[in-house]
């Protein structure tokens, strides 16, 4: 007489709320917000540096004009 063993699961596992999925979702949102605010910070720094560069270039232009007027 042979013993029959059923190795297949009898019930399918239903997809439920899993804490790991929630943590991954929160991590993705936090990382996205972090990248957004870091990008905005870099844009502001670039704008500030471009303004300083334009100001210095205007000063150089004025100094060159002053030299040639002599």
C-alpha atoms as a PDB file:
ATOM      1  CA  UNK A   1       0.000   0.000   0.000  1.00  0.00           C
ATOM      2  CA  UNK A   2       1.400   3.411  -1.041  1.00  0.00           C
ATOM      3  CA  UNK A   3       1.080   6.583   0.966  1.00  0.00           C
ATOM      4  CA  UNK A   4      -0.086   9.574  -1.030  1.00  0.00           C
ATOM      5  CA  UNK A   5       1.425  12.926  -0.029  1.00  0.00           C
ATOM      6  CA  UNK A   6      -0.025  16.119  -1.467  1.00  0.00           C
ATOM      7  CA  UNK A   7       2.761  18.699  -1.651  1.00  0.00           C
ATOM      8  CA  UNK A   8       0.676  21.360  -3.358  1.00  0.00           C
ATOM      9  CA  UNK A   9      -0.802  24.066  -1.169  1.00  0.00           C
ATOM     10  CA  UNK A  10      -4.463  23.581  -0.567  1.00  0.00           C
ATOM     11  CA  UNK A  11      -5.245  27.293  -0.297  1.00  0.00           C
ATOM     12  CA  UNK A  12      -3.881  30.115  -2.334  1.00  0.00           C
ATOM     13  CA  UNK A  13      -2.279  32.893  -0.366  1.00  0.00           C
ATOM     14  CA  UNK A  14      -4.273  36.054  -0.833  1.00  0.00           C
ATOM     15  CA  UNK A  15      -2.427  39.294  -1.423  1.00  0.00           C
ATOM     16  CA  UNK A  16      -2.786  41.311   1.725  1.00  0.00           C
ATOM     17  CA  UNK A  17      -1.319  44.431   3.241  1.00  0.00           C
ATOM     18  CA  UNK A  18       2.292  43.716   4.010  1.00  0.00           C
ATOM     19  CA  UNK A  19       4.427  45.923   6.234  1.00  0.00           C
ATOM     20  CA  UNK A  20       7.447  45.543   3.937  1.00  0.00           C
ATOM     21  CA  UNK A  21       5.493  46.895   0.965  1.00  0.00           C
ATOM     22  CA  UNK A  22       4.374  49.841   3.083  1.00  0.00           C
ATOM     23  CA  UNK A  23       7.953  50.545   4.196  1.00  0.00           C
ATOM     24  CA  UNK A  24       9.210  50.396   0.610  1.00  0.00           C
ATOM     25  CA  UNK A  25       6.453  52.777  -0.499  1.00  0.00           C
ATOM     26  CA  UNK A  26       7.287  55.229   2.299  1.00  0.00           C
ATOM     27  CA  UNK A  27      10.983  54.960   1.469  1.00  0.00           C
ATOM     28  CA  UNK A  28      10.301  55.716  -2.201  1.00  0.00           C
ATOM     29  CA  UNK A  29       8.188  58.753  -1.333  1.00  0.00           C
ATOM     30  CA  UNK A  30      10.809  60.098   1.081  1.00  0.00           C
ATOM     31  CA  UNK A  31      13.592  59.526  -1.460  1.00  0.00           C
ATOM     32  CA  UNK A  32      11.559  61.273  -4.172  1.00  0.00           C
ATOM     33  CA  UNK A  33      10.915  64.282  -1.963  1.00  0.00           C
ATOM     34  CA  UNK A  34      14.563  64.382  -0.967  1.00  0.00           C
ATOM     35  CA  UNK A  35      15.699  64.400  -4.591  1.00  0.00           C
ATOM     36  CA  UNK A  36      13.140  67.091  -5.441  1.00  0.00           C
ATOM     37  CA  UNK A  37      14.220  69.452  -2.666  1.00  0.00           C
ATOM     38  CA  UNK A  38      17.914  68.788  -3.337  1.00  0.00           C
ATOM     39  CA  UNK A  39      17.358  69.622  -7.006  1.00  0.00           C
ATOM     40  CA  UNK A  40      15.582  72.845  -6.086  1.00  0.00           C
ATOM     41  CA  UNK A  41      18.458  73.752  -3.779  1.00  0.00           C
ATOM     42  CA  UNK A  42      20.942  73.190  -6.594  1.00  0.00           C
ATOM     43  CA  UNK A  43      18.840  75.318  -8.968  1.00  0.00           C
ATOM     44  CA  UNK A  44      18.877  78.159  -6.439  1.00  0.00           C
ATOM     45  CA  UNK A  45      22.652  77.876  -6.029  1.00  0.00           C
ATOM     46  CA  UNK A  46      23.129  77.940  -9.805  1.00  0.00           C
ATOM     47  CA  UNK A  47      20.935  81.030 -10.124  1.00  0.00           C
ATOM     48  CA  UNK A  48      22.872  82.782  -7.346  1.00  0.00           C
ATOM     49  CA  UNK A  49      26.206  81.981  -8.977  1.00  0.00           C
ATOM     50  CA  UNK A  50      24.958  83.142 -12.389  1.00  0.00           C
ATOM     51  CA  UNK A  51      23.839  86.445 -10.864  1.00  0.00           C
ATOM     52  CA  UNK A  52      27.252  86.913  -9.235  1.00  0.00           C
ATOM     53  CA  UNK A  53      28.964  86.104 -12.536  1.00  0.00           C
ATOM     54  CA  UNK A  54      26.823  88.637 -14.411  1.00  0.00           C
ATOM     55  CA  UNK A  55      27.628  91.291 -11.802  1.00  0.00           C
ATOM     56  CA  UNK A  56      31.363  90.620 -12.054  1.00  0.00           C
ATOM     57  CA  UNK A  57      31.208  90.711 -15.850  1.00  0.00           C
ATOM     58  CA  UNK A  58      29.451  94.106 -15.691  1.00  0.00           C
ATOM     59  CA  UNK A  59      32.163  95.408 -13.352  1.00  0.00           C
ATOM     60  CA  UNK A  60      34.853  94.173 -15.749  1.00  0.00           C
ATOM     61  CA  UNK A  61      33.087  95.890 -18.646  1.00  0.00           C
ATOM     62  CA  UNK A  62      32.901  99.170 -16.712  1.00  0.00           C
ATOM     63  CA  UNK A  63      36.586  98.956 -15.767  1.00  0.00           C
ATOM     64  CA  UNK A  64      37.584  98.304 -19.390  1.00  0.00           C
ATOM     65  CA  UNK A  65      35.524 101.318 -20.514  1.00  0.00           C
ATOM     66  CA  UNK A  66      37.188 103.450 -17.833  1.00  0.00           C
ATOM     67  CA  UNK A  67      40.652 102.359 -18.968  1.00  0.00           C
ATOM     68  CA  UNK A  68      39.981 103.112 -22.643  1.00  0.00           C
ATOM     69  CA  UNK A  69      38.580 106.555 -21.824  1.00  0.00           C
ATOM     70  CA  UNK A  70      41.917 107.597 -20.385  1.00  0.00           C
END
